[in-house]
C-alpha atoms as a PDB file:
ATOM      1  CA  MET A   1       0.000   0.000   0.000  1.00  0.00           C
ATOM      2  CA  LYS A   2       1.213   3.463  -0.802  1.00  0.00           C
ATOM      3  CA  GLU A   3       2.046   5.108   2.494  1.00  0.00           C
ATOM      4  CA  ARG A   4      -0.169   8.040   1.579  1.00  0.00           C
ATOM      5  CA  THR A   5      -3.280   5.891   1.298  1.00  0.00           C
ATOM      6  CA  ILE A   6      -4.043   6.170   5.009  1.00  0.00           C
ATOM      7  CA  TRP A   7      -4.065   9.943   4.652  1.00  0.00           C
ATOM      8  CA  LEU A   8      -7.004   9.566   2.263  1.00  0.00           C
ATOM      9  CA  LEU A   9      -9.102   8.919   5.380  1.00  0.00           C
ATOM     10  CA  LEU A  10      -8.942  12.665   5.998  1.00  0.00           C
ATOM     11  CA  LEU A  11     -11.450  13.048   3.175  1.00  0.00           C
ATOM     12  CA  PRO A  12     -14.284  10.942   4.686  1.00  0.00           C
ATOM     13  CA  LEU A  13     -13.354  12.436   8.066  1.00  0.00           C
ATOM     14  CA  ALA A  14     -13.926  15.949   6.732  1.00  0.00           C
ATOM     15  CA  VAL A  15     -17.126  14.902   4.990  1.00  0.00           C
ATOM     16  CA  GLY A  16     -18.305  13.222   8.199  1.00  0.00           C
ATOM     17  CA  VAL A  17     -17.750  16.423  10.160  1.00  0.00           C
ATOM     18  CA  ALA A  18     -19.700  18.329   7.510  1.00  0.00           C
ATOM     19  CA  ALA A  19     -22.501  15.749   7.592  1.00  0.00           C
ATOM     20  CA  ASN A  20     -22.693  15.952  11.370  1.00  0.00           C
ATOM     21  CA  GLN A  21     -22.964  19.741  11.226  1.00  0.00           C
ATOM     22  CA  THR A  22     -25.388  20.020   8.303  1.00  0.00           C
ATOM     23  CA  ASP A  23     -27.323  16.711   8.240  1.00  0.00           C
ATOM     24  CA  TYR A  24     -27.008  16.985   4.436  1.00  0.00           C
ATOM     25  CA  LEU A  25     -27.843  13.599   2.896  1.00  0.00           C
ATOM     26  CA  PRO A  26     -25.159  13.549   0.151  1.00  0.00           C
ATOM     27  CA  PHE A  27     -22.530  14.175   2.837  1.00  0.00           C
ATOM     28  CA  LYS A  28     -23.976  11.392   4.983  1.00  0.00           C
ATOM     29  CA  MET A  29     -23.964   8.891   2.116  1.00  0.00           C
ATOM     30  CA  ALA A  30     -20.487  10.002   1.025  1.00  0.00           C
ATOM     31  CA  VAL A  31     -18.743   8.819   4.204  1.00  0.00           C
ATOM     32  CA  PRO A  32     -19.232   5.038   3.717  1.00  0.00           C
ATOM     33  CA  SER A  33     -18.985   5.453  -0.064  1.00  0.00           C
ATOM     34  CA  LEU A  34     -15.596   7.153   0.182  1.00  0.00           C
ATOM     35  CA  CYS A  35     -14.354   4.500   2.599  1.00  0.00           C
ATOM     36  CA  ALA A  36     -15.359   1.820   0.091  1.00  0.00           C
ATOM     37  CA  LEU A  37     -13.480   3.616  -2.689  1.00  0.00           C
ATOM     38  CA  ILE A  38     -10.383   3.974  -0.517  1.00  0.00           C
ATOM     39  CA  LEU A  39     -10.363   0.218   0.120  1.00  0.00           C
ATOM     40  CA  LEU A  40     -10.867  -0.458  -3.570  1.00  0.00           C
ATOM     41  CA  TRP A  41      -7.844   1.711  -4.342  1.00  0.00           C
ATOM     42  CA  ALA A  42      -5.657   0.290  -1.586  1.00  0.00           C
ATOM     43  CA  TYR A  43      -6.309  -3.367  -2.386  1.00  0.00           C
ATOM     44  CA  GLN A  44      -6.105  -3.210  -6.158  1.00  0.00           C
ATOM     45  CA  GLY A  45      -3.877  -5.969  -7.480  1.00  0.00           C
ATOM     46  CA  ARG A  46      -4.248  -8.117  -4.345  1.00  0.00           C
ATOM     47  CA  PRO A  47      -6.634 -10.938  -5.311  1.00  0.00           C
ATOM     48  CA  ALA A  48      -5.821 -12.921  -2.146  1.00  0.00           C
ATOM     49  CA  TYR A  49      -7.897 -10.441  -0.153  1.00  0.00           C
ATOM     50  CA  ARG A  50     -10.685  -9.991  -2.701  1.00  0.00           C
ATOM     51  CA  LEU A  51     -13.474 -11.700  -0.735  1.00  0.00           C
ATOM     52  CA  ASP A  52     -12.472 -10.122   2.565  1.00  0.00           C
ATOM     53  CA  VAL A  53     -12.365  -6.585   1.224  1.00  0.00           C
ATOM     54  CA  ALA A  54     -15.445  -7.066  -0.952  1.00  0.00           C
ATOM     55  CA  ALA A  55     -17.457  -8.014   2.141  1.00  0.00           C
ATOM     56  CA  VAL A  56     -16.555  -4.760   3.905  1.00  0.00           C
ATOM     57  CA  MET A  57     -16.967  -2.662   0.762  1.00  0.00           C
ATOM     58  CA  LEU A  58     -20.463  -4.078   0.250  1.00  0.00           C
ATOM     59  CA  ALA A  59     -21.207  -3.330   3.898  1.00  0.00           C
ATOM     60  CA  PHE A  60     -20.262   0.291   3.261  1.00  0.00           C
ATOM     61  CA  VAL A  61     -22.391   0.465   0.101  1.00  0.00           C
ATOM     62  CA  PHE A  62     -25.467  -0.943   1.830  1.00  0.00           C
ATOM     63  CA  SER A  63     -24.869   1.444   4.731  1.00  0.00           C
ATOM     64  CA  ALA A  64     -25.007   4.361   2.296  1.00  0.00           C
ATOM     65  CA  VAL A  65     -28.285   3.029   0.865  1.00  0.00           C
ATOM     66  CA  GLY A  66     -29.618   2.625   4.395  1.00  0.00           C
ATOM     67  CA  ASP A  67     -28.694   6.245   5.065  1.00  0.00           C
ATOM     68  CA  TYR A  68     -30.857   7.277   2.118  1.00  0.00           C
ATOM     69  CA  PHE A  69     -33.946   5.426   3.331  1.00  0.00           C
ATOM     70  CA  LEU A  70     -33.659   6.490   6.951  1.00  0.00           C
ATOM     71  CA  SER A  71     -32.998  10.108   6.039  1.00  0.00           C
ATOM     72  CA  ASN A  72     -36.091  10.150   3.783  1.00  0.00           C
ATOM     73  CA  LYS A  73     -38.424   8.079   5.933  1.00  0.00           C
ATOM     74  CA  GLY A  74     -40.494  10.991   7.260  1.00  0.00           C
ATOM     75  CA  GLY A  75     -43.608   9.284   8.560  1.00  0.00           C
ATOM     76  CA  THR A  76     -43.313   6.360   6.130  1.00  0.00           C
ATOM     77  CA  GLU A  77     -42.739   3.216   8.139  1.00  0.00           C
ATOM     78  CA  ILE A  78     -41.755   1.126   5.105  1.00  0.00           C
ATOM     79  CA  TYR A  79     -38.748   3.379   4.520  1.00  0.00           C
ATOM     80  CA  PHE A  80     -37.639   2.717   8.070  1.00  0.00           C
ATOM     81  CA  VAL A  81     -38.024  -1.051   7.620  1.00  0.00           C
ATOM     82  CA  VAL A  82     -36.106  -0.961   4.316  1.00  0.00           C
ATOM     83  CA  GLY A  83     -33.400   1.121   5.974  1.00  0.00           C
ATOM     84  CA  ILE A  84     -33.072  -1.458   8.736  1.00  0.00           C
ATOM     85  CA  GLY A  85     -32.862  -4.125   6.024  1.00  0.00           C
ATOM     86  CA  MET A  86     -29.993  -2.311   4.325  1.00  0.00           C
ATOM     87  CA  TYR A  87     -28.085  -2.027   7.592  1.00  0.00           C
ATOM     88  CA  PHE A  88     -28.853  -5.686   8.294  1.00  0.00           C
ATOM     89  CA  ILE A  89     -27.118  -6.624   5.031  1.00  0.00           C
ATOM     90  CA  ALA A  90     -24.255  -4.311   5.956  1.00  0.00           C
ATOM     91  CA  HIS A  91     -23.830  -6.241   9.200  1.00  0.00           C
ATOM     92  CA  LEU A  92     -23.666  -9.455   7.184  1.00  0.00           C
ATOM     93  CA  GLY A  93     -20.695  -7.956   5.344  1.00  0.00           C
ATOM     94  CA  TYR A  94     -18.933  -7.026   8.571  1.00  0.00           C
ATOM     95  CA  LEU A  95     -19.747 -10.463   9.937  1.00  0.00           C
ATOM     96  CA  ALA A  96     -18.379 -12.215   6.844  1.00  0.00           C
ATOM     97  CA  TYR A  97     -15.058 -10.358   7.090  1.00  0.00           C
ATOM     98  CA  ALA A  98     -14.648 -11.181  10.769  1.00  0.00           C
ATOM     99  CA  TRP A  99     -15.666 -14.815  10.350  1.00  0.00           C
ATOM    100  CA  ARG A 100     -13.148 -15.318   7.540  1.00  0.00           C
ATOM    101  CA  ASN A 101     -10.437 -14.082   9.880  1.00  0.00           C
ATOM    102  CA  GLY A 102     -11.374 -15.585  13.229  1.00  0.00           C
ATOM    103  CA  ARG A 103     -14.157 -17.196  15.174  1.00  0.00           C
ATOM    104  CA  ILE A 104     -17.058 -16.257  17.393  1.00  0.00           C
ATOM    105  CA  HIS A 105     -16.242 -15.017  20.888  1.00  0.00           C
ATOM    106  CA  ARG A 106     -18.865 -16.874  22.914  1.00  0.00           C
ATOM    107  CA  ILE A 107     -18.514 -14.888  26.121  1.00  0.00           C
ATOM    108  CA  VAL A 108     -18.967 -11.595  24.300  1.00  0.00           C
ATOM    109  CA  LEU A 109     -21.944 -13.015  22.415  1.00  0.00           C
ATOM    110  CA  GLY A 110     -23.549 -14.234  25.628  1.00  0.00           C
ATOM    111  CA  VAL A 111     -23.131 -10.895  27.394  1.00  0.00           C
ATOM    112  CA  LEU A 112     -24.473  -8.964  24.412  1.00  0.00           C
ATOM    113  CA  LEU A 113     -27.470 -11.230  23.936  1.00  0.00           C
ATOM    114  CA  VAL A 114     -28.448 -11.090  27.596  1.00  0.00           C
ATOM    115  CA  GLY A 115     -28.220  -7.302  27.695  1.00  0.00           C
ATOM    116  CA  TYR A 116     -29.893  -6.554  24.375  1.00  0.00           C
ATOM    117  CA  LEU A 117     -32.639  -9.166  24.617  1.00  0.00           C
ATOM    118  CA  ILE A 118     -33.621  -7.773  28.007  1.00  0.00           C
ATOM    119  CA  TYR A 119     -33.616  -4.296  26.445  1.00  0.00           C
ATOM    120  CA  TYR A 120     -35.767  -5.533  23.559  1.00  0.00           C
ATOM    121  CA  PHE A 121     -38.392  -7.429  25.539  1.00  0.00           C
ATOM    122  CA  VAL A 122     -38.630  -4.948  28.400  1.00  0.00           C
ATOM    123  CA  SER A 123     -38.423  -1.662  26.476  1.00  0.00           C
ATOM    124  CA  LEU A 124     -38.508  -1.912  22.690  1.00  0.00           C
ATOM    125  CA  ASN A 125     -41.131  -4.553  21.978  1.00  0.00           C
ATOM    126  CA  PRO A 126     -43.821  -2.947  24.178  1.00  0.00           C
ATOM    127  CA  ALA A 127     -43.136   0.400  22.475  1.00  0.00           C
ATOM    128  CA  ILE A 128     -43.482  -0.906  18.881  1.00  0.00           C
ATOM    129  CA  SER A 129     -47.082  -1.523  17.866  1.00  0.00           C
ATOM    130  CA  ASP A 130     -46.362  -2.950  14.401  1.00  0.00           C
ATOM    131  CA  PRO A 131     -45.318  -6.632  14.715  1.00  0.00           C
ATOM    132  CA  VAL A 132     -43.466  -6.530  11.378  1.00  0.00           C
ATOM    133  CA  LEU A 133     -41.356  -3.599  12.506  1.00  0.00           C
ATOM    134  CA  SER A 134     -40.826  -5.193  15.915  1.00  0.00           C
ATOM    135  CA  GLY A 135     -39.648  -8.409  14.264  1.00  0.00           C
ATOM    136  CA  ALA A 136     -37.294  -6.469  11.991  1.00  0.00           C
ATOM    137  CA  VAL A 137     -35.824  -4.705  15.015  1.00  0.00           C
ATOM    138  CA  LEU A 138     -35.318  -8.017  16.805  1.00  0.00           C
ATOM    139  CA  LEU A 139     -33.545  -9.574  13.805  1.00  0.00           C
ATOM    140  CA  TYR A 140     -31.362  -6.515  13.465  1.00  0.00           C
ATOM    141  CA  LEU A 141     -30.531  -6.641  17.164  1.00  0.00           C
ATOM    142  CA  LEU A 142     -29.473 -10.287  16.869  1.00  0.00           C
ATOM    143  CA  ILE A 143     -27.247  -9.763  13.821  1.00  0.00           C
ATOM    144  CA  SER A 144     -25.642  -6.747  15.504  1.00  0.00           C
ATOM    145  CA  CYS A 145     -24.749  -8.806  18.573  1.00  0.00           C
ATOM    146  CA  LEU A 146     -23.391 -11.602  16.403  1.00  0.00           C
ATOM    147  CA  ALA A 147     -21.316  -9.242  14.250  1.00  0.00           C
ATOM    148  CA  LEU A 148     -19.699  -7.670  17.320  1.00  0.00           C
ATOM    149  CA  ALA A 149     -19.062 -11.050  18.961  1.00  0.00           C
ATOM    150  CA  VAL A 150     -17.370 -12.435  15.843  1.00  0.00           C
ATOM    151  CA  ALA A 151     -15.338  -9.228  15.503  1.00  0.00           C
ATOM    152  CA  ALA A 152     -14.123  -9.816  19.058  1.00  0.00           C
ATOM    153  CA  GLY A 153     -12.920 -13.248  17.948  1.00  0.00           C
ATOM    154  CA  ILE A 154     -10.789 -12.029  15.037  1.00  0.00           C
ATOM    155  CA  THR A 155      -7.277 -13.505  15.069  1.00  0.00           C
ATOM    156  CA  LEU A 156      -5.557 -10.660  13.220  1.00  0.00           C
ATOM    157  CA  PRO A 157      -2.726  -8.639  14.824  1.00  0.00           C
ATOM    158  CA  ALA A 158      -3.844  -6.614  17.827  1.00  0.00           C
ATOM    159  CA  GLU A 159      -3.870  -3.172  16.212  1.00  0.00           C
ATOM    160  CA  GLN A 160      -5.951  -4.366  13.263  1.00  0.00           C
ATOM    161  CA  LYS A 161      -8.250  -6.408  15.466  1.00  0.00           C
ATOM    162  CA  TRP A 162      -9.107  -3.759  18.026  1.00  0.00           C
ATOM    163  CA  LEU A 163      -9.662  -1.063  15.437  1.00  0.00           C
ATOM    164  CA  TYR A 164     -12.148  -3.386  13.762  1.00  0.00           C
ATOM    165  CA  VAL A 165     -13.821  -4.347  17.045  1.00  0.00           C
ATOM    166  CA  PHE A 166     -14.042  -0.691  18.018  1.00  0.00           C
ATOM    167  CA  GLY A 167     -15.629   0.149  14.668  1.00  0.00           C
ATOM    168  CA  ILE A 168     -18.346  -2.489  14.968  1.00  0.00           C
ATOM    169  CA  ALA A 169     -18.938  -1.484  18.592  1.00  0.00           C
ATOM    170  CA  MET A 170     -19.459   2.119  17.443  1.00  0.00           C
ATOM    171  CA  ILE A 171     -22.109   0.952  14.965  1.00  0.00           C
ATOM    172  CA  VAL A 172     -23.907  -0.925  17.733  1.00  0.00           C
ATOM    173  CA  LEU A 173     -23.695   2.146  19.983  1.00  0.00           C
ATOM    174  CA  SER A 174     -25.045   4.376  17.216  1.00  0.00           C
ATOM    175  CA  ASP A 175     -27.921   1.980  16.560  1.00  0.00           C
ATOM    176  CA  THR A 176     -28.725   1.825  20.261  1.00  0.00           C
ATOM    177  CA  ALA A 177     -28.945   5.615  20.403  1.00  0.00           C
ATOM    178  CA  ILE A 178     -31.233   5.524  17.345  1.00  0.00           C
ATOM    179  CA  SER A 179     -33.512   3.023  19.075  1.00  0.00           C
ATOM    180  CA  PHE A 180     -33.839   5.309  22.100  1.00  0.00           C
ATOM    181  CA  ASN A 181     -34.854   8.147  19.803  1.00  0.00           C
ATOM    182  CA  GLU A 182     -37.141   6.284  17.404  1.00  0.00           C
ATOM    183  CA  PHE A 183     -39.002   3.977  19.749  1.00  0.00           C
ATOM    184  CA  LEU A 184     -38.685   5.368  23.275  1.00  0.00           C
ATOM    185  CA  ASP A 185     -38.789   9.111  22.475  1.00  0.00           C
ATOM    186  CA  TYR A 186     -35.647   9.542  24.551  1.00  0.00           C
ATOM    187  CA  ARG A 187     -33.331  11.984  22.799  1.00  0.00           C
ATOM    188  CA  ALA A 188     -30.530  12.537  25.300  1.00  0.00           C
ATOM    189  CA  PHE A 189     -28.199  10.336  23.238  1.00  0.00           C
ATOM    190  CA  ASN A 190     -29.020  11.776  19.811  1.00  0.00           C
ATOM    191  CA  TRP A 191     -25.722  13.613  19.713  1.00  0.00           C
ATOM    192  CA  LEU A 192     -23.970  10.224  19.608  1.00  0.00           C
ATOM    193  CA  ILE A 193     -25.743   8.853  16.545  1.00  0.00           C
ATOM    194  CA  LEU A 194     -23.773  10.376  13.677  1.00  0.00           C
ATOM    195  CA  PRO A 195     -20.289  10.796  15.247  1.00  0.00           C
ATOM    196  CA  THR A 196     -20.140   7.145  16.335  1.00  0.00           C
ATOM    197  CA  TYR A 197     -21.494   5.981  12.977  1.00  0.00           C
ATOM    198  CA  TYR A 198     -18.853   7.862  10.998  1.00  0.00           C
ATOM    199  CA  LEU A 199     -16.108   6.907  13.438  1.00  0.00           C
ATOM    200  CA  ALA A 200     -17.078   3.282  12.843  1.00  0.00           C
ATOM    201  CA  HIS A 201     -16.479   3.540   9.105  1.00  0.00           C
ATOM    202  CA  LEU A 202     -13.172   5.299   9.590  1.00  0.00           C
ATOM    203  CA  THR A 203     -11.776   2.804  12.109  1.00  0.00           C
ATOM    204  CA  VAL A 204     -12.936  -0.259  10.150  1.00  0.00           C
ATOM    205  CA  THR A 205     -11.313   1.186   7.041  1.00  0.00           C
ATOM    206  CA  LEU A 206      -8.123   1.987   8.944  1.00  0.00           C
ATOM    207  CA  SER A 207      -7.998  -1.589  10.226  1.00  0.00           C
ATOM    208  CA  LEU A 208      -8.096  -2.939   6.677  1.00  0.00           C
ATOM    209  CA  LEU A 209      -5.551  -0.391   5.468  1.00  0.00           C
ATOM    210  CA  LEU A 210      -3.129  -1.459   8.191  1.00  0.00           C
ATOM    211  CA  ARG A 211      -3.653  -5.068   7.152  1.00  0.00           C
ATOM    212  CA  GLN A 212      -2.852  -4.173   3.559  1.00  0.00           C
ATOM    213  CA  ARG A 213       0.297  -2.346   4.630  1.00  0.00           C
ATOM    214  CA  GLU A 214       1.401  -5.357   6.666  1.00  0.00           C
ATOM    215  CA  ALA A 215       0.829  -7.594   3.653  1.00  0.00           C
ATOM    216  CA  ALA A 216       2.877  -5.255   1.471  1.00  0.00           C
ATOM    217  CA  LEU A 217       5.758  -5.205   3.953  1.00  0.00           C
ATOM    218  CA  HIS A 218       5.709  -8.966   4.534  1.00  0.00           C
ATOM    219  CA  PRO A 219       4.285 -10.588   1.375  1.00  0.00           C
ATOM    220  CA  ALA A 220       5.462 -14.069   2.325  1.00  0.00           C
ATOM    221  CA  ALA A 221       3.547 -13.977   5.610  1.00  0.00           C
ATOM    222  CA  ALA A 222       0.418 -12.779   3.842  1.00  0.00           C
END
């Protein structure tokens, strides 16, 4: 990887700051899209990592599509459900990358499931009148817990691993803040939603860029 590639992250960082300040949809969609393009550039000519990187790139693309639907949902519930579906697919991409490079961390999964299932059945489910939407939220909750637990089980070098784990954890935190706002009418955590979401994309991308640099420095090990 060209050493300057990491500095390209300044571009989605700047766009993320602008999106956080303006709530302008093209800025919001540009953050994951730019991260996907940076990975495409960094990993060109490295077919050994094609499936790994493609999984994360697709996660970024579906995240951008999810941003579109959630930002345009207004009072249309179907847009919200479709948005959740797009983020669900994004989590599958994150999950696929982690699973190809590690295994599930059962303790983390157990702790997450206990905490979030209690949250769902005690708080979320009673607050959601539509059973279809409630079911979609439950499925999304489960895939989020699984994605974070598998990320925690990645066997990559520590710096790459914990950047990736941190990124997925930031997505889960952002989604949790969204659930407080959307379903419980509790808005104290709204300020967390966008910064954690954009930070997630940046740290996941940085993790993969560091992996690419390691592969370039030590091709035999890769």
